[in-house]
Amino acid sequence: MTTIKQRLAELAIELPNVPKPVGSYASYYKVDNLLFVSGQGARNVDRTLRKGRLGADYTVEEGYRDARTIGLQLLATVQTAIGDLERVRGVAKILGMVQATPEFRDHPKVIDGCSELFLSVFGEMGRHARSAVGMASLPAGLAVEIEAIFEIV
């Protein structure tokens, strides 16, 4: 059976550094067998936040890439929290928030960037409940923010 570490290598995925919280909250919180991971936004290569609105400043494809990047950050946070991604038994839920123009309708296509990453890394254990919603604004002007709940052992 392929391990998560092997799957990450097969997919040529290297997890990023875990972003530090930018407020009075924790990056994650563990309750019994659930790990709640705080919302995160994508960053540019210079570590600045990706800001803007889908439908005006960003395309669906760019938003999808941001959501995938956030998914990688979420995985890095999980690894930091529990020490080993092999302890993940499932992705329970993700909430994807997209700052968008009122006319924008493709929020789910944007958040698919994170959902599809989790499926490729965890297989069926990565299939999750999900909400993908549009927002008039997000903290610091983020284009996309995603939070997640993982089942762990």
N, C-alpha and C. Protein backbone atom coordinates (compact mmCIF):
# COMPACT_ATOMS: atom_id res chain seq x y z
N MET A 1 0.84 -1.19 0.00
CA MET A 1 0.00 0.00 0.00
C MET A 1 0.89 1.25 0.00
N THR A 2 0.52 2.21 -0.82
CA THR A 2 1.28 3.45 -0.93
C THR A 2 1.04 4.34 0.29
N THR A 3 2.11 4.86 0.85
CA THR A 3 1.99 5.79 1.97
C THR A 3 1.71 7.19 1.45
N ILE A 4 1.27 8.06 2.34
CA ILE A 4 1.04 9.46 1.96
C ILE A 4 2.36 10.10 1.53
N LYS A 5 3.43 9.81 2.23
CA LYS A 5 4.74 10.35 1.87
C LYS A 5 5.13 9.92 0.45
N GLN A 6 4.90 8.65 0.12
CA GLN A 6 5.19 8.16 -1.23
C GLN A 6 4.30 8.83 -2.27
N ARG A 7 3.03 9.00 -1.92
CA ARG A 7 2.10 9.64 -2.86
C ARG A 7 2.52 11.08 -3.12
N LEU A 8 2.93 11.81 -2.07
CA LEU A 8 3.40 13.18 -2.26
C LEU A 8 4.61 13.20 -3.19
N ALA A 9 5.53 12.26 -3.02
CA ALA A 9 6.71 12.18 -3.88
C ALA A 9 6.30 11.87 -5.33
N GLU A 10 5.37 10.92 -5.51
CA GLU A 10 4.89 10.58 -6.86
C GLU A 10 4.26 11.78 -7.55
N LEU A 11 3.58 12.60 -6.78
CA LEU A 11 2.90 13.78 -7.32
C LEU A 11 3.84 14.99 -7.41
N ALA A 12 5.10 14.79 -7.00
CA ALA A 12 6.10 15.87 -6.98
C ALA A 12 5.63 17.05 -6.13
N ILE A 13 5.04 16.73 -4.99
CA ILE A 13 4.54 17.75 -4.08
C ILE A 13 5.49 17.91 -2.92
N GLU A 14 5.90 19.15 -2.70
CA GLU A 14 6.69 19.51 -1.53
C GLU A 14 5.84 20.47 -0.71
N LEU A 15 5.63 20.14 0.55
CA LEU A 15 4.79 20.98 1.39
C LEU A 15 5.52 22.28 1.75
N PRO A 16 4.79 23.39 1.75
CA PRO A 16 5.40 24.69 2.07
C PRO A 16 5.60 24.85 3.57
N ASN A 17 6.24 25.93 3.95
CA ASN A 17 6.31 26.29 5.36
C ASN A 17 4.92 26.67 5.84
N VAL A 18 4.66 26.40 7.10
CA VAL A 18 3.35 26.70 7.68
C VAL A 18 3.26 28.21 7.95
N PRO A 19 2.23 28.86 7.40
CA PRO A 19 2.09 30.29 7.68
C PRO A 19 1.74 30.52 9.15
N LYS A 20 2.26 31.60 9.70
CA LYS A 20 1.95 31.96 11.09
C LYS A 20 0.60 32.67 11.13
N PRO A 21 -0.16 32.48 12.22
CA PRO A 21 -1.42 33.22 12.35
C PRO A 21 -1.16 34.73 12.32
N VAL A 22 -2.09 35.45 11.74
CA VAL A 22 -1.94 36.91 11.66
C VAL A 22 -2.88 37.63 12.63
N GLY A 23 -3.37 36.90 13.62
CA GLY A 23 -4.27 37.49 14.59
C GLY A 23 -4.24 36.70 15.88
N SER A 24 -5.24 36.90 16.70
CA SER A 24 -5.33 36.26 18.01
C SER A 24 -6.06 34.93 17.92
N TYR A 25 -5.47 33.98 17.23
CA TYR A 25 -6.06 32.67 17.07
C TYR A 25 -4.96 31.64 16.86
N ALA A 26 -5.31 30.38 16.92
CA ALA A 26 -4.36 29.29 16.68
C ALA A 26 -4.50 28.79 15.25
N SER A 27 -3.42 28.25 14.71
CA SER A 27 -3.45 27.70 13.35
C SER A 27 -4.32 26.46 13.27
N TYR A 28 -4.43 25.75 14.41
CA TYR A 28 -5.23 24.53 14.46
C TYR A 28 -5.69 24.28 15.88
N TYR A 29 -6.70 23.43 16.01
CA TYR A 29 -7.22 23.06 17.31
C TYR A 29 -7.70 21.62 17.23
N LYS A 30 -7.22 20.80 18.14
CA LYS A 30 -7.55 19.38 18.13
C LYS A 30 -8.59 19.07 19.20
N VAL A 31 -9.64 18.33 18.83
CA VAL A 31 -10.66 17.86 19.75
C VAL A 31 -10.89 16.38 19.44
N ASP A 32 -10.54 15.53 20.41
CA ASP A 32 -10.68 14.08 20.22
C ASP A 32 -10.00 13.66 18.91
N ASN A 33 -10.76 13.13 17.97
CA ASN A 33 -10.16 12.67 16.71
C ASN A 33 -10.40 13.65 15.57
N LEU A 34 -10.67 14.90 15.89
CA LEU A 34 -10.86 15.92 14.85
C LEU A 34 -9.80 17.01 14.99
N LEU A 35 -9.29 17.44 13.86
CA LEU A 35 -8.34 18.54 13.82
C LEU A 35 -8.96 19.66 12.98
N PHE A 36 -9.21 20.78 13.62
CA PHE A 36 -9.77 21.95 12.95
C PHE A 36 -8.61 22.85 12.53
N VAL A 37 -8.51 23.16 11.25
CA VAL A 37 -7.43 23.99 10.74
C VAL A 37 -8.01 25.34 10.32
N SER A 38 -7.45 26.40 10.88
CA SER A 38 -7.93 27.75 10.60
C SER A 38 -7.82 28.10 9.13
N GLY A 39 -8.64 29.05 8.72
CA GLY A 39 -8.63 29.51 7.35
C GLY A 39 -7.30 30.11 6.95
N GLN A 40 -6.92 29.85 5.71
CA GLN A 40 -5.66 30.37 5.17
C GLN A 40 -5.90 30.91 3.78
N GLY A 41 -5.03 31.84 3.39
CA GLY A 41 -5.06 32.39 2.04
C GLY A 41 -3.79 32.06 1.30
N ALA A 42 -3.84 32.11 -0.01
CA ALA A 42 -2.66 31.82 -0.84
C ALA A 42 -1.67 32.97 -0.76
N ARG A 43 -0.41 32.61 -1.01
CA ARG A 43 0.66 33.61 -1.01
C ARG A 43 1.40 33.57 -2.34
N ASN A 44 1.94 34.72 -2.71
CA ASN A 44 2.81 34.82 -3.88
C ASN A 44 4.18 34.25 -3.53
N VAL A 45 5.05 34.11 -4.51
CA VAL A 45 6.39 33.57 -4.24
C VAL A 45 7.17 34.43 -3.27
N ASP A 46 6.88 35.72 -3.21
CA ASP A 46 7.56 36.59 -2.25
C ASP A 46 6.89 36.59 -0.88
N ARG A 47 5.95 35.66 -0.67
CA ARG A 47 5.22 35.44 0.60
C ARG A 47 4.13 36.48 0.88
N THR A 48 3.90 37.44 -0.04
CA THR A 48 2.80 38.37 0.14
C THR A 48 1.49 37.65 -0.18
N LEU A 49 0.42 38.10 0.42
CA LEU A 49 -0.88 37.48 0.21
C LEU A 49 -1.42 37.77 -1.18
N ARG A 50 -2.14 36.80 -1.74
CA ARG A 50 -2.79 36.96 -3.04
C ARG A 50 -4.12 37.67 -2.80
N LYS A 51 -4.20 38.91 -3.22
CA LYS A 51 -5.37 39.74 -2.97
C LYS A 51 -6.11 40.03 -4.27
N GLY A 52 -7.43 40.18 -4.16
CA GLY A 52 -8.21 40.55 -5.33
C GLY A 52 -9.56 39.86 -5.34
N ARG A 53 -10.29 40.06 -6.42
CA ARG A 53 -11.62 39.47 -6.56
C ARG A 53 -11.70 38.61 -7.80
N LEU A 54 -12.31 37.46 -7.63
CA LEU A 54 -12.59 36.60 -8.78
C LEU A 54 -13.67 37.29 -9.60
N GLY A 55 -13.51 37.26 -10.90
CA GLY A 55 -14.45 37.92 -11.78
C GLY A 55 -14.02 39.33 -12.14
N ALA A 56 -12.99 39.84 -11.45
CA ALA A 56 -12.46 41.17 -11.77
C ALA A 56 -10.94 41.10 -11.91
N ASP A 57 -10.27 40.64 -10.86
CA ASP A 57 -8.80 40.62 -10.84
C ASP A 57 -8.21 39.25 -11.16
N TYR A 58 -8.99 38.20 -10.97
CA TYR A 58 -8.50 36.84 -11.14
C TYR A 58 -9.47 36.02 -11.99
N THR A 59 -8.91 35.08 -12.74
CA THR A 59 -9.72 34.13 -13.51
C THR A 59 -10.03 32.92 -12.63
N VAL A 60 -10.94 32.09 -13.08
CA VAL A 60 -11.26 30.84 -12.38
C VAL A 60 -10.00 29.99 -12.26
N GLU A 61 -9.20 29.93 -13.31
CA GLU A 61 -7.98 29.12 -13.30
C GLU A 61 -6.99 29.63 -12.25
N GLU A 62 -6.85 30.94 -12.13
CA GLU A 62 -5.95 31.50 -11.12
C GLU A 62 -6.49 31.22 -9.71
N GLY A 63 -7.80 31.33 -9.53
CA GLY A 63 -8.41 31.01 -8.25
C GLY A 63 -8.24 29.55 -7.90
N TYR A 64 -8.36 28.67 -8.90
CA TYR A 64 -8.15 27.23 -8.71
C TYR A 64 -6.73 26.97 -8.20
N ARG A 65 -5.74 27.62 -8.83
CA ARG A 65 -4.35 27.46 -8.40
C ARG A 65 -4.16 27.97 -6.97
N ASP A 66 -4.82 29.09 -6.63
CA ASP A 66 -4.75 29.60 -5.26
C ASP A 66 -5.33 28.58 -4.29
N ALA A 67 -6.46 27.99 -4.63
CA ALA A 67 -7.09 27.00 -3.75
C ALA A 67 -6.19 25.78 -3.57
N ARG A 68 -5.52 25.37 -4.62
CA ARG A 68 -4.58 24.24 -4.51
C ARG A 68 -3.41 24.61 -3.60
N THR A 69 -2.89 25.82 -3.76
CA THR A 69 -1.81 26.31 -2.91
C THR A 69 -2.25 26.31 -1.44
N ILE A 70 -3.45 26.76 -1.20
CA ILE A 70 -3.98 26.77 0.17
C ILE A 70 -4.09 25.34 0.68
N GLY A 71 -4.54 24.42 -0.16
CA GLY A 71 -4.61 23.02 0.24
C GLY A 71 -3.25 22.50 0.69
N LEU A 72 -2.19 22.86 -0.01
CA LEU A 72 -0.84 22.46 0.39
C LEU A 72 -0.48 23.05 1.75
N GLN A 73 -0.84 24.31 1.96
CA GLN A 73 -0.59 24.95 3.25
C GLN A 73 -1.37 24.26 4.36
N LEU A 74 -2.61 23.87 4.07
CA LEU A 74 -3.41 23.15 5.07
C LEU A 74 -2.76 21.82 5.42
N LEU A 75 -2.26 21.10 4.40
CA LEU A 75 -1.58 19.83 4.66
C LEU A 75 -0.32 20.03 5.50
N ALA A 76 0.43 21.08 5.21
CA ALA A 76 1.62 21.39 6.00
C ALA A 76 1.24 21.68 7.45
N THR A 77 0.13 22.37 7.65
CA THR A 77 -0.34 22.67 9.01
C THR A 77 -0.74 21.39 9.73
N VAL A 78 -1.43 20.49 9.02
CA VAL A 78 -1.81 19.20 9.61
C VAL A 78 -0.55 18.43 10.02
N GLN A 79 0.42 18.39 9.14
CA GLN A 79 1.66 17.67 9.46
C GLN A 79 2.33 18.26 10.69
N THR A 80 2.36 19.57 10.80
CA THR A 80 2.92 20.22 11.98
C THR A 80 2.12 19.88 13.23
N ALA A 81 0.81 19.86 13.09
CA ALA A 81 -0.07 19.61 14.25
C ALA A 81 0.04 18.19 14.78
N ILE A 82 0.12 17.20 13.89
CA ILE A 82 0.05 15.80 14.34
C ILE A 82 1.32 15.00 14.04
N GLY A 83 2.29 15.63 13.37
CA GLY A 83 3.58 15.00 13.16
C GLY A 83 3.70 14.09 11.96
N ASP A 84 2.60 13.57 11.45
CA ASP A 84 2.67 12.60 10.36
C ASP A 84 1.33 12.54 9.64
N LEU A 85 1.33 12.79 8.34
CA LEU A 85 0.08 12.76 7.57
C LEU A 85 -0.53 11.37 7.51
N GLU A 86 0.24 10.34 7.86
CA GLU A 86 -0.31 8.97 7.92
C GLU A 86 -1.39 8.86 8.99
N ARG A 87 -1.42 9.79 9.91
CA ARG A 87 -2.43 9.78 10.98
C ARG A 87 -3.78 10.33 10.51
N VAL A 88 -3.84 10.87 9.30
CA VAL A 88 -5.10 11.38 8.76
C VAL A 88 -5.95 10.19 8.33
N ARG A 89 -7.18 10.12 8.82
CA ARG A 89 -8.12 9.06 8.44
C ARG A 89 -9.15 9.56 7.46
N GLY A 90 -9.22 10.88 7.31
CA GLY A 90 -10.15 11.43 6.34
C GLY A 90 -10.19 12.94 6.42
N VAL A 91 -10.63 13.53 5.32
CA VAL A 91 -10.91 14.96 5.29
C VAL A 91 -12.41 15.07 5.52
N ALA A 92 -12.80 15.62 6.64
CA ALA A 92 -14.22 15.67 6.99
C ALA A 92 -14.96 16.77 6.23
N LYS A 93 -14.36 17.98 6.20
CA LYS A 93 -15.09 19.12 5.63
C LYS A 93 -14.12 20.22 5.28
N ILE A 94 -14.39 20.90 4.17
CA ILE A 94 -13.70 22.15 3.90
C ILE A 94 -14.73 23.24 3.63
N LEU A 95 -14.37 24.43 4.03
CA LEU A 95 -15.16 25.62 3.73
C LEU A 95 -14.28 26.52 2.90
N GLY A 96 -14.68 26.75 1.65
CA GLY A 96 -13.94 27.62 0.75
C GLY A 96 -14.70 28.91 0.53
N MET A 97 -14.00 30.02 0.76
CA MET A 97 -14.60 31.35 0.60
C MET A 97 -13.88 32.07 -0.52
N VAL A 98 -14.64 32.65 -1.42
CA VAL A 98 -14.10 33.30 -2.61
C VAL A 98 -14.57 34.75 -2.63
N GLN A 99 -13.62 35.68 -2.58
CA GLN A 99 -13.99 37.09 -2.74
C GLN A 99 -14.25 37.30 -4.24
N ALA A 100 -15.46 37.71 -4.57
CA ALA A 100 -15.85 37.75 -5.98
C ALA A 100 -16.79 38.91 -6.28
N THR A 101 -16.87 39.21 -7.56
CA THR A 101 -17.84 40.20 -8.01
C THR A 101 -19.24 39.60 -7.85
N PRO A 102 -20.27 40.44 -7.78
CA PRO A 102 -21.63 39.91 -7.62
C PRO A 102 -22.05 38.98 -8.77
N GLU A 103 -21.48 39.15 -9.95
CA GLU A 103 -21.85 38.34 -11.11
C GLU A 103 -21.13 37.00 -11.17
N PHE A 104 -20.09 36.83 -10.38
CA PHE A 104 -19.29 35.61 -10.43
C PHE A 104 -20.10 34.43 -9.91
N ARG A 105 -20.05 33.29 -10.62
CA ARG A 105 -20.86 32.13 -10.24
C ARG A 105 -20.06 30.84 -10.12
N ASP A 106 -18.75 30.89 -10.31
CA ASP A 106 -17.96 29.67 -10.38
C ASP A 106 -17.17 29.37 -9.10
N HIS A 107 -17.72 29.72 -7.96
CA HIS A 107 -17.05 29.46 -6.68
C HIS A 107 -16.63 27.99 -6.53
N PRO A 108 -17.53 27.03 -6.84
CA PRO A 108 -17.13 25.62 -6.71
C PRO A 108 -15.93 25.25 -7.58
N LYS A 109 -15.85 25.81 -8.79
CA LYS A 109 -14.72 25.50 -9.67
C LYS A 109 -13.41 25.99 -9.07
N VAL A 110 -13.45 27.10 -8.36
CA VAL A 110 -12.26 27.63 -7.69
C VAL A 110 -11.84 26.68 -6.57
N ILE A 111 -12.76 26.32 -5.70
CA ILE A 111 -12.44 25.50 -4.53
C ILE A 111 -12.08 24.07 -4.92
N ASP A 112 -12.46 23.66 -6.14
CA ASP A 112 -12.02 22.35 -6.63
C ASP A 112 -10.50 22.21 -6.60
N GLY A 113 -9.76 23.30 -6.66
CA GLY A 113 -8.30 23.23 -6.58
C GLY A 113 -7.84 22.56 -5.30
N CYS A 114 -8.49 22.84 -4.20
CA CYS A 114 -8.17 22.21 -2.91
C CYS A 114 -8.77 20.81 -2.84
N SER A 115 -10.02 20.68 -3.22
CA SER A 115 -10.70 19.38 -3.15
C SER A 115 -9.96 18.32 -3.97
N GLU A 116 -9.59 18.67 -5.19
CA GLU A 116 -8.92 17.71 -6.06
C GLU A 116 -7.52 17.36 -5.54
N LEU A 117 -6.85 18.33 -4.92
CA LEU A 117 -5.55 18.04 -4.29
C LEU A 117 -5.72 16.99 -3.20
N PHE A 118 -6.70 17.19 -2.32
CA PHE A 118 -6.92 16.24 -1.22
C PHE A 118 -7.25 14.85 -1.75
N LEU A 119 -8.04 14.78 -2.81
CA LEU A 119 -8.35 13.48 -3.42
C LEU A 119 -7.10 12.82 -4.01
N SER A 120 -6.24 13.61 -4.63
CA SER A 120 -5.04 13.02 -5.23
C SER A 120 -4.05 12.57 -4.15
N VAL A 121 -4.01 13.24 -3.02
CA VAL A 121 -3.09 12.88 -1.94
C VAL A 121 -3.63 11.72 -1.11
N PHE A 122 -4.89 11.78 -0.73
CA PHE A 122 -5.46 10.80 0.21
C PHE A 122 -6.33 9.73 -0.45
N GLY A 123 -6.58 9.83 -1.75
CA GLY A 123 -7.51 8.90 -2.37
C GLY A 123 -8.90 9.13 -1.82
N GLU A 124 -9.67 8.07 -1.65
CA GLU A 124 -11.05 8.22 -1.16
C GLU A 124 -11.14 8.82 0.23
N MET A 125 -10.08 8.70 1.03
CA MET A 125 -10.08 9.35 2.35
C MET A 125 -10.09 10.87 2.20
N GLY A 126 -9.76 11.36 1.02
CA GLY A 126 -9.76 12.80 0.77
C GLY A 126 -11.10 13.35 0.33
N ARG A 127 -12.09 12.45 0.07
CA ARG A 127 -13.42 12.92 -0.32
C ARG A 127 -14.10 13.49 0.92
N HIS A 128 -14.68 14.68 0.78
CA HIS A 128 -15.15 15.42 1.96
C HIS A 128 -16.46 16.15 1.68
N ALA A 129 -17.09 16.55 2.77
CA ALA A 129 -18.20 17.50 2.67
C ALA A 129 -17.58 18.87 2.40
N ARG A 130 -18.34 19.74 1.73
CA ARG A 130 -17.75 21.02 1.36
C ARG A 130 -18.79 22.09 1.16
N SER A 131 -18.38 23.31 1.47
CA SER A 131 -19.14 24.50 1.10
C SER A 131 -18.20 25.40 0.33
N ALA A 132 -18.68 25.98 -0.76
CA ALA A 132 -17.92 26.94 -1.56
C ALA A 132 -18.82 28.16 -1.73
N VAL A 133 -18.43 29.25 -1.09
CA VAL A 133 -19.30 30.41 -1.04
C VAL A 133 -18.59 31.67 -1.50
N GLY A 134 -19.38 32.62 -1.98
CA GLY A 134 -18.85 33.91 -2.40
C GLY A 134 -18.98 34.92 -1.28
N MET A 135 -18.01 35.82 -1.22
CA MET A 135 -17.97 36.85 -0.19
C MET A 135 -17.75 38.21 -0.84
N ALA A 136 -18.30 39.23 -0.22
CA ALA A 136 -18.07 40.60 -0.69
C ALA A 136 -16.65 41.04 -0.37
N SER A 137 -16.11 40.50 0.74
CA SER A 137 -14.73 40.79 1.10
C SER A 137 -14.21 39.67 1.97
N LEU A 138 -12.88 39.56 2.04
CA LEU A 138 -12.20 38.60 2.91
C LEU A 138 -11.08 39.34 3.63
N PRO A 139 -10.61 38.81 4.76
CA PRO A 139 -9.55 39.49 5.51
C PRO A 139 -8.34 39.82 4.64
N ALA A 140 -7.79 41.00 4.83
CA ALA A 140 -6.60 41.48 4.13
C ALA A 140 -6.79 41.53 2.61
N GLY A 141 -8.03 41.42 2.14
CA GLY A 141 -8.29 41.47 0.71
C GLY A 141 -8.02 40.17 -0.02
N LEU A 142 -7.89 39.06 0.74
CA LEU A 142 -7.63 37.75 0.12
C LEU A 142 -8.62 37.46 -0.99
N ALA A 143 -8.15 36.79 -2.04
CA ALA A 143 -9.03 36.35 -3.11
C ALA A 143 -9.75 35.06 -2.71
N VAL A 144 -9.02 34.16 -2.02
CA VAL A 144 -9.57 32.86 -1.62
C VAL A 144 -9.09 32.55 -0.21
N GLU A 145 -9.98 32.03 0.62
CA GLU A 145 -9.63 31.54 1.95
C GLU A 145 -10.30 30.19 2.15
N ILE A 146 -9.56 29.24 2.73
CA ILE A 146 -10.11 27.90 2.96
C ILE A 146 -9.74 27.44 4.36
N GLU A 147 -10.71 26.85 5.05
CA GLU A 147 -10.48 26.19 6.33
C GLU A 147 -10.88 24.73 6.18
N ALA A 148 -10.40 23.88 7.09
CA ALA A 148 -10.68 22.44 6.94
C ALA A 148 -10.78 21.75 8.28
N ILE A 149 -11.48 20.61 8.25
CA ILE A 149 -11.58 19.72 9.40
C ILE A 149 -11.12 18.35 8.94
N PHE A 150 -10.17 17.76 9.68
CA PHE A 150 -9.62 16.44 9.35
C PHE A 150 -9.94 15.47 10.47
N GLU A 151 -10.22 14.22 10.09
CA GLU A 151 -10.34 13.12 11.06
C GLU A 151 -8.95 12.50 11.20
N ILE A 152 -8.49 12.36 12.46
CA ILE A 152 -7.15 11.84 12.70
C ILE A 152 -7.18 10.73 13.74
N VAL A 153 -6.07 10.00 13.82
CA VAL A 153 -5.89 8.98 14.88
C VAL A 153 -4.68 9.35 15.69
